[in-house]
Amino acid sequence: MEEVWSKEFEVEGRTFVAVCMRRPFREGFEVHIEVDGEVLTFAELGFGDSALIEKARALVEGHLKGTRGEG
């Protein structure tokens, strides 16, 4: 059975939801964030909520810049 929870955060005035899933037999958890119909994922090793949100923000910011053709 999976343990699932979510955290909301903002990037550039938009609200995103990081869905976290802890699975048996794996260290940490997996994070999924939907951005404009595309799902971004990363592994988080349980460094706490602040680290999770900062990593999620950085991933979304990078994705948004890439999809807009910026830097």
Protein backbone atom coordinates (compact mmCIF):
# COMPACT_ATOMS: atom_id res chain seq x y z
CA MET A 1 0.00 0.00 0.00
CA GLU A 2 1.34 3.43 -1.00
CA GLU A 3 1.45 6.43 1.30
CA VAL A 4 0.51 9.56 -0.69
CA TRP A 5 0.35 13.21 0.33
CA SER A 6 0.65 16.59 -1.38
CA LYS A 7 2.20 20.02 -0.85
CA GLU A 8 1.16 23.22 -2.63
CA PHE A 9 3.70 25.84 -3.68
CA GLU A 10 3.84 28.90 -5.94
CA VAL A 11 6.06 29.76 -8.87
CA GLU A 12 5.63 33.01 -10.82
CA GLY A 13 2.19 33.60 -9.30
CA ARG A 14 0.90 30.13 -10.23
CA THR A 15 0.03 27.41 -7.73
CA PHE A 16 1.39 23.90 -8.27
CA VAL A 17 0.91 20.69 -6.31
CA ALA A 18 3.74 18.32 -5.50
CA VAL A 19 2.27 14.83 -5.03
CA CYS A 20 4.59 12.73 -2.89
CA MET A 21 4.51 8.94 -2.82
CA ARG A 22 6.42 6.75 -0.39
CA ARG A 23 6.72 3.17 -1.53
CA PRO A 24 7.72 0.08 0.40
CA PHE A 25 11.32 -1.09 -0.04
CA ARG A 26 12.54 2.25 -1.44
CA GLU A 27 14.44 4.98 0.36
CA GLY A 28 12.74 8.38 0.41
CA PHE A 29 9.85 9.08 -1.90
CA GLU A 30 8.95 10.10 -5.43
CA VAL A 31 7.47 13.50 -6.29
CA HIS A 32 5.18 14.25 -9.24
CA ILE A 33 4.22 17.78 -10.34
CA GLU A 34 1.90 18.53 -13.24
CA VAL A 35 2.93 21.59 -15.25
CA ASP A 36 0.79 22.55 -18.25
CA GLY A 37 -0.25 18.93 -18.88
CA GLU A 38 3.24 17.48 -18.46
CA VAL A 39 4.26 15.53 -15.34
CA LEU A 40 7.67 16.33 -13.85
CA THR A 41 9.14 13.79 -11.41
CA PHE A 42 12.07 13.60 -9.06
CA ALA A 43 13.25 11.48 -6.15
CA GLU A 44 13.43 13.03 -2.69
CA LEU A 45 15.40 11.36 0.07
CA GLY A 46 13.48 12.86 2.96
CA PHE A 47 15.44 16.02 3.78
CA GLY A 48 12.28 17.78 4.95
CA ASP A 49 9.50 19.98 3.62
CA SER A 50 11.70 23.02 2.99
CA ALA A 51 14.12 21.05 0.81
CA LEU A 52 11.23 19.39 -1.02
CA ILE A 53 9.57 22.70 -1.87
CA GLU A 54 12.84 24.35 -2.94
CA LYS A 55 13.68 21.42 -5.22
CA ALA A 56 10.14 21.43 -6.66
CA ARG A 57 10.25 25.21 -7.27
CA ALA A 58 13.61 24.94 -9.03
CA LEU A 59 12.36 22.11 -11.24
CA VAL A 60 9.18 23.98 -12.21
CA GLU A 61 11.05 27.26 -12.81
CA GLY A 62 13.52 25.48 -15.06
CA HIS A 63 10.72 23.76 -16.95
CA LEU A 64 8.78 26.99 -17.45
CA LYS A 65 11.87 28.79 -18.72
CA GLY A 66 12.64 25.93 -21.08
CA THR A 67 9.11 25.75 -22.49
CA ARG A 68 9.09 29.50 -23.10
CA GLY A 69 12.42 29.38 -24.90
CA GLU A 70 14.17 31.57 -22.32
CA GLY A 71 17.80 31.26 -21.19
